[in-house]
C-alpha atoms as a PDB file:
ATOM      1  CA  MET A   1     -11.835 -18.051  -1.198  1.00  0.00           C
ATOM      2  CA  THR A   2     -14.513 -15.845  -3.178  1.00  0.00           C
ATOM      3  CA  THR A   3     -14.694 -12.681  -3.648  1.00  0.00           C
ATOM      4  CA  ALA A   4     -18.051 -12.522  -1.812  1.00  0.00           C
ATOM      5  CA  GLU A   5     -16.596 -14.051   1.291  1.00  0.00           C
ATOM      6  CA  ARG A   6     -13.881 -11.838   1.929  1.00  0.00           C
ATOM      7  CA  HIS A   7     -14.351  -8.992   4.348  1.00  0.00           C
ATOM      8  CA  TYR A   8     -12.555  -5.820   3.963  1.00  0.00           C
ATOM      9  CA  LEU A   9     -11.411  -3.776   6.806  1.00  0.00           C
ATOM     10  CA  VAL A  10     -12.452  -0.430   5.081  1.00  0.00           C
ATOM     11  CA  GLN A  11     -14.267  -0.047   2.176  1.00  0.00           C
ATOM     12  CA  GLY A  12     -14.532   2.016  -1.291  1.00  0.00           C
ATOM     13  CA  ALA A  13     -12.063   4.673  -1.741  1.00  0.00           C
ATOM     14  CA  GLY A  14      -9.401   6.311   0.064  1.00  0.00           C
ATOM     15  CA  LEU A  15      -6.608   9.086   0.334  1.00  0.00           C
ATOM     16  CA  GLY A  16      -3.536   9.506   1.851  1.00  0.00           C
ATOM     17  CA  LEU A  17      -3.683  12.396   4.566  1.00  0.00           C
ATOM     18  CA  LYS A  18      -0.901  14.536   3.729  1.00  0.00           C
ATOM     19  CA  GLN A  19       0.158  17.971   5.364  1.00  0.00           C
ATOM     20  CA  GLU A  20      -0.967  20.276   2.231  1.00  0.00           C
ATOM     21  CA  ILE A  21      -4.196  19.025   2.326  1.00  0.00           C
ATOM     22  CA  ILE A  22      -5.220  18.437   5.707  1.00  0.00           C
ATOM     23  CA  PRO A  23      -6.714  22.726   5.964  1.00  0.00           C
ATOM     24  CA  GLU A  24      -9.105  21.280   3.354  1.00  0.00           C
ATOM     25  CA  MET A  25     -10.140  18.169   5.170  1.00  0.00           C
ATOM     26  CA  LEU A  26     -10.949  19.749   8.356  1.00  0.00           C
ATOM     27  CA  THR A  27     -13.270  22.142   6.697  1.00  0.00           C
ATOM     28  CA  GLU A  28     -14.801  19.574   4.169  1.00  0.00           C
ATOM     29  CA  THR A  29     -16.401  16.364   4.393  1.00  0.00           C
ATOM     30  CA  PRO A  30     -15.586  14.537   0.775  1.00  0.00           C
ATOM     31  CA  ALA A  31     -18.452  11.690   0.878  1.00  0.00           C
ATOM     32  CA  GLU A  32     -16.244  10.016  -2.217  1.00  0.00           C
ATOM     33  CA  ILE A  33     -13.460   9.386   0.619  1.00  0.00           C
ATOM     34  CA  GLY A  34     -13.815   6.089   2.648  1.00  0.00           C
ATOM     35  CA  PHE A  35     -10.945   5.897   4.380  1.00  0.00           C
ATOM     36  CA  VAL A  36      -7.725   7.737   5.012  1.00  0.00           C
ATOM     37  CA  GLU A  37      -4.286   6.432   5.285  1.00  0.00           C
ATOM     38  CA  VAL A  38      -1.185   8.021   7.171  1.00  0.00           C
ATOM     39  CA  ALA A  39       2.657   7.071   7.592  1.00  0.00           C
ATOM     40  CA  PRO A  40       2.635   6.408  11.669  1.00  0.00           C
ATOM     41  CA  GLU A  41       6.124   7.640  11.932  1.00  0.00           C
ATOM     42  CA  ASN A  42       4.809  10.973  11.003  1.00  0.00           C
ATOM     43  CA  TRP A  43       2.315  10.950  13.780  1.00  0.00           C
ATOM     44  CA  ILE A  44       3.795   8.934  16.557  1.00  0.00           C
ATOM     45  CA  GLY A  45       4.211  11.192  19.818  1.00  0.00           C
ATOM     46  CA  VAL A  46       2.659  14.331  17.855  1.00  0.00           C
ATOM     47  CA  GLY A  47       0.869  16.526  19.982  1.00  0.00           C
ATOM     48  CA  GLY A  48      -0.627  19.909  19.675  1.00  0.00           C
ATOM     49  CA  ALA A  49      -2.557  21.692  16.892  1.00  0.00           C
ATOM     50  CA  ARG A  50      -1.398  18.634  14.557  1.00  0.00           C
ATOM     51  CA  ARG A  51      -2.833  15.928  16.780  1.00  0.00           C
ATOM     52  CA  ARG A  52      -5.858  17.542  17.148  1.00  0.00           C
ATOM     53  CA  ALA A  53      -6.561  18.320  13.561  1.00  0.00           C
ATOM     54  CA  LEU A  54      -5.722  14.332  12.947  1.00  0.00           C
ATOM     55  CA  ASP A  55      -8.305  13.793  15.845  1.00  0.00           C
ATOM     56  CA  GLN A  56     -11.141  15.895  13.916  1.00  0.00           C
ATOM     57  CA  ILE A  57     -10.381  14.228  10.628  1.00  0.00           C
ATOM     58  CA  LEU A  58     -10.334  10.923  12.460  1.00  0.00           C
ATOM     59  CA  GLU A  59     -14.153  11.251  13.532  1.00  0.00           C
ATOM     60  CA  ARG A  60     -14.964  11.127  10.184  1.00  0.00           C
ATOM     61  CA  TYR A  61     -12.876   8.404   8.718  1.00  0.00           C
ATOM     62  CA  PRO A  62     -11.414   5.274   9.406  1.00  0.00           C
ATOM     63  CA  LEU A  63      -7.523   4.966   9.309  1.00  0.00           C
ATOM     64  CA  VAL A  64      -5.188   2.638   7.633  1.00  0.00           C
ATOM     65  CA  CYS A  65      -1.783   3.039   8.180  1.00  0.00           C
ATOM     66  CA  HIS A  66       1.488   2.582   5.807  1.00  0.00           C
ATOM     67  CA  GLY A  67       4.582   2.436   7.101  1.00  0.00           C
ATOM     68  CA  LEU A  68       8.223   3.696   6.227  1.00  0.00           C
ATOM     69  CA  SER A  69      10.907   2.493   8.165  1.00  0.00           C
ATOM     70  CA  LEU A  70      10.292  -1.082   9.574  1.00  0.00           C
ATOM     71  CA  ASN A  71      12.918  -2.137   7.232  1.00  0.00           C
ATOM     72  CA  ILE A  72      11.846  -5.817   7.520  1.00  0.00           C
ATOM     73  CA  GLY A  73      14.358  -7.415   5.107  1.00  0.00           C
ATOM     74  CA  GLY A  74      17.366  -5.195   6.599  1.00  0.00           C
ATOM     75  CA  PRO A  75      20.158  -6.878   8.037  1.00  0.00           C
ATOM     76  CA  THR A  76      20.260  -5.424  11.677  1.00  0.00           C
ATOM     77  CA  PRO A  77      17.780  -6.626  14.523  1.00  0.00           C
ATOM     78  CA  LEU A  78      14.106  -5.353  14.105  1.00  0.00           C
ATOM     79  CA  ASP A  79      13.629  -1.926  16.595  1.00  0.00           C
ATOM     80  CA  HIS A  80      11.560  -2.901  19.493  1.00  0.00           C
ATOM     81  CA  ASP A  81      11.264   0.209  21.012  1.00  0.00           C
ATOM     82  CA  PHE A  82       9.853   1.312  17.861  1.00  0.00           C
ATOM     83  CA  LEU A  83       7.265  -1.649  17.715  1.00  0.00           C
ATOM     84  CA  LYS A  84       6.358  -0.759  21.048  1.00  0.00           C
ATOM     85  CA  ALA A  85       5.732   2.863  20.323  1.00  0.00           C
ATOM     86  CA  LEU A  86       4.031   1.455  17.070  1.00  0.00           C
ATOM     87  CA  LYS A  87       2.043  -0.660  18.321  1.00  0.00           C
ATOM     88  CA  HIS A  88       0.462   2.299  20.869  1.00  0.00           C
ATOM     89  CA  PHE A  89       0.079   4.352  18.125  1.00  0.00           C
ATOM     90  CA  LEU A  90      -2.096   1.789  16.387  1.00  0.00           C
ATOM     91  CA  ASP A  91      -4.031   0.782  19.347  1.00  0.00           C
ATOM     92  CA  ARG A  92      -5.118   4.046  20.265  1.00  0.00           C
ATOM     93  CA  ASN A  93      -6.223   5.417  17.154  1.00  0.00           C
ATOM     94  CA  ASP A  94      -8.075   2.288  16.030  1.00  0.00           C
ATOM     95  CA  VAL A  95      -6.090   1.461  12.991  1.00  0.00           C
ATOM     96  CA  ARG A  96      -7.918  -0.956  10.897  1.00  0.00           C
ATOM     97  CA  ILE A  97      -4.743  -1.628   8.944  1.00  0.00           C
ATOM     98  CA  TYR A  98      -1.163  -1.633   9.187  1.00  0.00           C
ATOM     99  CA  THR A  99       1.043  -2.616   6.033  1.00  0.00           C
ATOM    100  CA  GLU A 100       4.858  -1.883   5.590  1.00  0.00           C
ATOM    101  CA  HIS A 101       7.034  -2.196   2.497  1.00  0.00           C
ATOM    102  CA  LEU A 102       8.551  -5.915   1.130  1.00  0.00           C
ATOM    103  CA  SER A 103      12.296  -4.220   1.099  1.00  0.00           C
ATOM    104  CA  PHE A 104      15.028  -2.905   3.333  1.00  0.00           C
ATOM    105  CA  CYS A 105      15.401   0.763   4.080  1.00  0.00           C
ATOM    106  CA  GLY A 106      18.383   0.797   6.491  1.00  0.00           C
ATOM    107  CA  ASP A 107      21.598  -0.962   7.545  1.00  0.00           C
ATOM    108  CA  THR A 108      23.563   1.059  10.556  1.00  0.00           C
ATOM    109  CA  GLY A 109      20.897   4.072   9.613  1.00  0.00           C
ATOM    110  CA  GLN A 110      18.243   4.968   7.944  1.00  0.00           C
ATOM    111  CA  LEU A 111      18.466   4.793   3.919  1.00  0.00           C
ATOM    112  CA  TYR A 112      15.423   6.680   2.869  1.00  0.00           C
ATOM    113  CA  ASP A 113      15.145   4.633   0.039  1.00  0.00           C
ATOM    114  CA  LEU A 114      13.157   1.019  -0.487  1.00  0.00           C
ATOM    115  CA  MET A 115      15.894  -1.467  -1.423  1.00  0.00           C
ATOM    116  CA  PRO A 116      15.297  -4.526  -2.691  1.00  0.00           C
ATOM    117  CA  ILE A 117      15.224  -7.803  -1.312  1.00  0.00           C
ATOM    118  CA  PRO A 118      17.111 -10.676  -3.338  1.00  0.00           C
ATOM    119  CA  PHE A 119      14.694 -13.438  -4.351  1.00  0.00           C
ATOM    120  CA  THR A 120      15.846 -16.134  -2.849  1.00  0.00           C
ATOM    121  CA  GLU A 121      14.643 -19.230  -0.899  1.00  0.00           C
ATOM    122  CA  GLU A 122      17.086 -18.008   2.245  1.00  0.00           C
ATOM    123  CA  ALA A 123      15.567 -14.610   1.701  1.00  0.00           C
ATOM    124  CA  VAL A 124      12.163 -15.795   2.098  1.00  0.00           C
ATOM    125  CA  HIS A 125      12.437 -17.296   5.283  1.00  0.00           C
ATOM    126  CA  TYR A 126      14.344 -14.342   6.866  1.00  0.00           C
ATOM    127  CA  VAL A 127      11.674 -12.138   5.966  1.00  0.00           C
ATOM    128  CA  ALA A 128       9.136 -14.269   7.005  1.00  0.00           C
ATOM    129  CA  GLN A 129      10.397 -14.883  10.266  1.00  0.00           C
ATOM    130  CA  ARG A 130      10.708 -11.050  11.048  1.00  0.00           C
ATOM    131  CA  ILE A 131       7.432 -10.505   9.874  1.00  0.00           C
ATOM    132  CA  ARG A 132       6.247 -13.125  12.201  1.00  0.00           C
ATOM    133  CA  GLN A 133       7.800 -11.240  15.295  1.00  0.00           C
ATOM    134  CA  VAL A 134       6.318  -8.067  14.253  1.00  0.00           C
ATOM    135  CA  GLN A 135       2.973  -9.303  14.102  1.00  0.00           C
ATOM    136  CA  ASP A 136       3.601 -11.293  17.677  1.00  0.00           C
ATOM    137  CA  VAL A 137       4.461  -7.840  19.118  1.00  0.00           C
ATOM    138  CA  LEU A 138       1.820  -5.345  17.796  1.00  0.00           C
ATOM    139  CA  GLY A 139      -1.027  -8.721  18.239  1.00  0.00           C
ATOM    140  CA  ARG A 140      -2.432  -8.394  14.833  1.00  0.00           C
ATOM    141  CA  ARG A 141      -1.882  -9.486  11.310  1.00  0.00           C
ATOM    142  CA  ILE A 142      -0.125  -6.645   9.522  1.00  0.00           C
ATOM    143  CA  GLY A 143       0.312  -6.228   5.255  1.00  0.00           C
ATOM    144  CA  MET A 144       3.284  -6.139   2.810  1.00  0.00           C
ATOM    145  CA  GLU A 145       3.283  -4.299   0.015  1.00  0.00           C
ATOM    146  CA  ASN A 146       5.214  -4.833  -3.457  1.00  0.00           C
ATOM    147  CA  VAL A 147       7.267  -2.475  -4.045  1.00  0.00           C
ATOM    148  CA  SER A 148       8.837  -0.307  -6.989  1.00  0.00           C
ATOM    149  CA  THR A 149      12.599  -1.606  -8.160  1.00  0.00           C
ATOM    150  CA  TYR A 150      15.112   0.199 -10.732  1.00  0.00           C
ATOM    151  CA  ALA A 151      17.990  -2.897 -10.263  1.00  0.00           C
ATOM    152  CA  LEU A 152      17.493  -6.206  -8.895  1.00  0.00           C
ATOM    153  CA  PRO A 153      20.283  -8.090  -7.190  1.00  0.00           C
ATOM    154  CA  GLN A 154      20.409 -11.745  -8.285  1.00  0.00           C
ATOM    155  CA  GLY A 155      17.950 -14.079  -7.343  1.00  0.00           C
ATOM    156  CA  GLU A 156      16.580 -17.503  -7.754  1.00  0.00           C
ATOM    157  CA  LEU A 157      12.732 -17.304  -7.883  1.00  0.00           C
ATOM    158  CA  SER A 158      10.566 -14.399  -9.832  1.00  0.00           C
ATOM    159  CA  GLU A 159       9.383 -11.191  -8.004  1.00  0.00           C
ATOM    160  CA  VAL A 160       5.707 -12.566  -7.933  1.00  0.00           C
ATOM    161  CA  ASP A 161       6.937 -16.048  -6.877  1.00  0.00           C
ATOM    162  CA  PHE A 162       9.006 -14.393  -4.309  1.00  0.00           C
ATOM    163  CA  LEU A 163       6.350 -11.872  -2.849  1.00  0.00           C
ATOM    164  CA  ASN A 164       3.775 -15.290  -2.563  1.00  0.00           C
ATOM    165  CA  ALA A 165       6.488 -17.203  -0.449  1.00  0.00           C
ATOM    166  CA  VAL A 166       7.002 -14.612   1.681  1.00  0.00           C
ATOM    167  CA  LEU A 167       3.446 -14.025   2.620  1.00  0.00           C
ATOM    168  CA  GLU A 168       2.385 -17.978   2.685  1.00  0.00           C
ATOM    169  CA  GLU A 169       5.037 -18.228   5.012  1.00  0.00           C
ATOM    170  CA  ALA A 170       4.659 -15.525   7.338  1.00  0.00           C
ATOM    171  CA  ASP A 171       0.906 -15.906   6.815  1.00  0.00           C
ATOM    172  CA  CYS A 172       0.129 -12.144   6.991  1.00  0.00           C
ATOM    173  CA  GLY A 173      -1.746  -9.937   4.347  1.00  0.00           C
ATOM    174  CA  TYR A 174      -0.802  -8.321   0.780  1.00  0.00           C
ATOM    175  CA  HIS A 175      -1.316  -4.907   0.324  1.00  0.00           C
ATOM    176  CA  LEU A 176      -1.391  -4.799  -3.631  1.00  0.00           C
ATOM    177  CA  ASP A 177      -0.050  -1.632  -5.564  1.00  0.00           C
ATOM    178  CA  ILE A 178      -1.074  -1.202  -9.119  1.00  0.00           C
ATOM    179  CA  ASN A 179       1.286   1.359  -9.843  1.00  0.00           C
ATOM    180  CA  ASN A 180       4.742  -0.630  -8.891  1.00  0.00           C
ATOM    181  CA  ILE A 181       3.540  -3.565 -10.794  1.00  0.00           C
ATOM    182  CA  PHE A 182       3.516  -1.715 -13.630  1.00  0.00           C
ATOM    183  CA  VAL A 183       6.164   0.490 -13.019  1.00  0.00           C
ATOM    184  CA  ASN A 184       8.365  -2.895 -12.014  1.00  0.00           C
ATOM    185  CA  ALA A 185       7.208  -4.697 -15.295  1.00  0.00           C
ATOM    186  CA  MET A 186       8.332  -1.927 -17.748  1.00  0.00           C
ATOM    187  CA  ASN A 187      11.710  -1.518 -16.272  1.00  0.00           C
ATOM    188  CA  HIS A 188      12.376  -5.076 -15.771  1.00  0.00           C
ATOM    189  CA  GLY A 189      10.404  -6.466 -19.152  1.00  0.00           C
ATOM    190  CA  PHE A 190       7.819  -8.917 -17.871  1.00  0.00           C
ATOM    191  CA  ASP A 191       3.862  -8.574 -18.587  1.00  0.00           C
ATOM    192  CA  PRO A 192       2.217  -7.005 -15.388  1.00  0.00           C
ATOM    193  CA  TYR A 193      -0.926  -8.981 -16.513  1.00  0.00           C
ATOM    194  CA  GLU A 194       0.794 -12.349 -15.877  1.00  0.00           C
ATOM    195  CA  TYR A 195       1.970 -10.726 -12.670  1.00  0.00           C
ATOM    196  CA  LEU A 196      -1.421  -9.638 -11.697  1.00  0.00           C
ATOM    197  CA  ALA A 197      -2.689 -12.849 -12.006  1.00  0.00           C
ATOM    198  CA  ALA A 198      -0.751 -14.491 -10.104  1.00  0.00           C
ATOM    199  CA  ILE A 199      -1.161 -12.236  -7.291  1.00  0.00           C
ATOM    200  CA  PRO A 200      -2.100 -14.031  -3.606  1.00  0.00           C
ATOM    201  CA  ALA A 201      -5.423 -12.095  -4.212  1.00  0.00           C
ATOM    202  CA  GLU A 202      -7.061 -13.706  -1.080  1.00  0.00           C
ATOM    203  CA  ARG A 203      -4.856 -11.688   1.091  1.00  0.00           C
ATOM    204  CA  ILE A 204      -5.267  -8.383  -0.378  1.00  0.00           C
ATOM    205  CA  LEU A 205      -6.398  -5.872   2.434  1.00  0.00           C
ATOM    206  CA  TYR A 206      -6.018  -2.808   0.512  1.00  0.00           C
ATOM    207  CA  ALA A 207      -4.327  -1.113  -2.594  1.00  0.00           C
ATOM    208  CA  HIS A 208      -2.658   1.578  -3.760  1.00  0.00           C
ATOM    209  CA  ILE A 209      -2.979   2.975  -7.233  1.00  0.00           C
ATOM    210  CA  ALA A 210      -0.584   6.109  -7.994  1.00  0.00           C
ATOM    211  CA  GLY A 211       1.078   8.855 -10.805  1.00  0.00           C
ATOM    212  CA  HIS A 212       4.695   7.685 -12.144  1.00  0.00           C
ATOM    213  CA  TYR A 213       7.353   9.241 -14.216  1.00  0.00           C
ATOM    214  CA  GLU A 214       8.233   8.055 -17.389  1.00  0.00           C
ATOM    215  CA  GLU A 215      11.780   8.748 -18.048  1.00  0.00           C
ATOM    216  CA  ALA A 216      12.235   6.779 -20.636  1.00  0.00           C
ATOM    217  CA  PRO A 217      10.276   3.639 -22.463  1.00  0.00           C
ATOM    218  CA  ASP A 218      11.782   0.890 -20.206  1.00  0.00           C
ATOM    219  CA  LEU A 219      12.531   3.416 -17.201  1.00  0.00           C
ATOM    220  CA  ARG A 220       9.616   4.786 -14.873  1.00  0.00           C
ATOM    221  CA  ILE A 221      10.206   6.285 -11.770  1.00  0.00           C
ATOM    222  CA  ASP A 222       7.267   5.742  -8.871  1.00  0.00           C
ATOM    223  CA  THR A 223       6.882   9.446  -7.784  1.00  0.00           C
ATOM    224  CA  HIS A 224       3.649   9.500  -6.606  1.00  0.00           C
ATOM    225  CA  GLY A 225       3.840  12.852  -8.085  1.00  0.00           C
ATOM    226  CA  GLU A 226       1.639  12.705 -11.244  1.00  0.00           C
ATOM    227  CA  ASP A 227      -1.890  11.864 -11.857  1.00  0.00           C
ATOM    228  CA  VAL A 228      -2.215   8.217 -12.685  1.00  0.00           C
ATOM    229  CA  LEU A 229      -1.927   7.261 -16.213  1.00  0.00           C
ATOM    230  CA  PRO A 230      -4.458   5.461 -18.465  1.00  0.00           C
ATOM    231  CA  GLU A 231      -2.085   2.127 -18.524  1.00  0.00           C
ATOM    232  CA  VAL A 232      -2.192   1.825 -14.910  1.00  0.00           C
ATOM    233  CA  TRP A 233      -6.200   2.713 -14.310  1.00  0.00           C
ATOM    234  CA  ALA A 234      -6.710  -0.406 -16.975  1.00  0.00           C
ATOM    235  CA  MET A 235      -4.941  -2.461 -14.960  1.00  0.00           C
ATOM    236  CA  LEU A 236      -7.053  -1.597 -11.820  1.00  0.00           C
ATOM    237  CA  ASP A 237     -10.001  -2.388 -14.054  1.00  0.00           C
ATOM    238  CA  ASP A 238      -8.448  -6.115 -14.800  1.00  0.00           C
ATOM    239  CA  ALA A 239      -7.733  -6.499 -11.188  1.00  0.00           C
ATOM    240  CA  TYR A 240     -11.314  -5.911  -9.860  1.00  0.00           C
ATOM    241  CA  ALA A 241     -12.658  -8.323 -12.709  1.00  0.00           C
ATOM    242  CA  ARG A 242     -10.637 -10.924 -11.633  1.00  0.00           C
ATOM    243  CA  TYR A 243     -10.748 -10.591  -8.329  1.00  0.00           C
ATOM    244  CA  GLY A 244     -14.027  -8.395  -7.592  1.00  0.00           C
ATOM    245  CA  VAL A 245     -13.535  -4.790  -6.141  1.00  0.00           C
ATOM    246  CA  PHE A 246     -11.203  -4.138  -3.418  1.00  0.00           C
ATOM    247  CA  PRO A 247     -10.689  -1.351  -1.029  1.00  0.00           C
ATOM    248  CA  THR A 248      -8.141   1.473  -3.165  1.00  0.00           C
ATOM    249  CA  LEU A 249      -6.257   3.956  -2.122  1.00  0.00           C
ATOM    250  CA  LEU A 250      -5.066   7.128  -4.220  1.00  0.00           C
ATOM    251  CA  GLU A 251      -1.352   8.024  -3.339  1.00  0.00           C
ATOM    252  CA  ARG A 252      -0.577  11.206  -3.856  1.00  0.00           C
ATOM    253  CA  ASP A 253       2.986  12.421  -1.904  1.00  0.00           C
ATOM    254  CA  PHE A 254       4.914  15.216  -4.175  1.00  0.00           C
ATOM    255  CA  ASN A 255       3.238  17.858  -6.462  1.00  0.00           C
ATOM    256  CA  ILE A 256      -0.011  17.980  -4.484  1.00  0.00           C
ATOM    257  CA  PRO A 257      -2.892  19.528  -5.918  1.00  0.00           C
ATOM    258  CA  PRO A 258      -6.019  21.188  -4.357  1.00  0.00           C
ATOM    259  CA  LEU A 259      -8.260  18.423  -2.976  1.00  0.00           C
ATOM    260  CA  ASP A 260     -11.068  19.015  -5.065  1.00  0.00           C
ATOM    261  CA  THR A 261      -8.296  17.756  -8.357  1.00  0.00           C
ATOM    262  CA  LEU A 262      -7.656  14.882  -5.815  1.00  0.00           C
ATOM    263  CA  ARG A 263     -11.561  14.064  -5.460  1.00  0.00           C
ATOM    264  CA  ARG A 264     -11.876  14.057  -9.349  1.00  0.00           C
ATOM    265  CA  GLU A 265      -9.419  10.884  -9.198  1.00  0.00           C
ATOM    266  CA  ILE A 266     -10.685   9.416  -6.102  1.00  0.00           C
ATOM    267  CA  ALA A 267     -14.157   9.670  -7.852  1.00  0.00           C
ATOM    268  CA  MET A 268     -12.002   7.595 -10.774  1.00  0.00           C
ATOM    269  CA  ILE A 269     -11.616   4.396  -8.383  1.00  0.00           C
ATOM    270  CA  LEU A 270     -15.352   4.869  -7.397  1.00  0.00           C
ATOM    271  CA  GLU A 271     -16.323   4.563 -10.861  1.00  0.00           C
ATOM    272  CA  ALA A 272     -14.224   1.448 -11.611  1.00  0.00           C
ATOM    273  CA  GLN A 273     -15.591  -0.141  -8.627  1.00  0.00           C
ATOM    274  CA  LYS A 274     -19.048   0.376  -9.758  1.00  0.00           C
ATOM    275  CA  ARG A 275     -18.109  -0.629 -13.583  1.00  0.00           C
ATOM    276  CA  ALA A 276     -16.782  -4.134 -11.591  1.00  0.00           C
ATOM    277  CA  GLU A 277     -19.788  -4.592  -9.639  1.00  0.00           C
ATOM    278  CA  ASN A 278     -22.166  -3.664 -12.590  1.00  0.00           C
ATOM    279  CA  ALA A 279     -20.434  -6.375 -14.698  1.00  0.00           C
ATOM    280  CA  ASP A 280     -20.814  -8.973 -12.187  1.00  0.00           C
ATOM    281  CA  GLU A 281     -24.573  -8.013 -11.309  1.00  0.00           C
ATOM    282  CA  HIS A 282     -24.999  -8.591 -15.152  1.00  0.00           C
ATOM    283  CA  VAL A 283     -23.107 -12.052 -15.399  1.00  0.00           C
ATOM    284  CA  ALA A 284     -25.158 -13.107 -12.250  1.00  0.00           C
END
């Protein structure tokens, strides 16, 4: 499938909708923002003033959801009560895209961290089957995001080969995280551009770009609490050059600055998209 044939369910540059910026979002309508993202777990069952605030913002912006607790690679059965509540939330709010992490985050309880799945053929089949179950319950195609890691269990496949195998067998979408590729490349010693060249680009639903902390040259911590580094911006440019422009969201979860500061980084996403579009027009 060529770039021109792809149809994305959101457009442009997005922003994660955190509580810290909601008051500003209620009084401003930044034109740079094309869509907003929430973790559904933080909003399911919420009413009152918080719910009214979300409704007001969603009158102006399309919504995507990036989940935290699906536990797609975990050893315990899927939580069907949660999936029922999730389906209601996604349907009620006309959520364009729902994605989750290609990881596990629980066993008998919630781990509050994203743990790596062993990169094995057995794990491919296990995870793909659970993704298909979730898609059946939700009645929609979902996306899986490549996650950042700091230690890896033994496996038979590379990370990107595991990713491709899972998405192919599950026939689901791909949530591309540019920063996570770079972080893992630094932490595990592979070429991030080789990884980027091997992703299932035809499955991209949208992308994340974020900042991280450099603990050491070979240890990067995926904090989402700093400005996006130049090396990560360069990878986004490369991805657009390879695959065409796709929707991209600025992910900022900690040390959240005022909305005007976030708007400047969102504008940088739009500038990268415009550069890629102009380059395509020049080639044509």
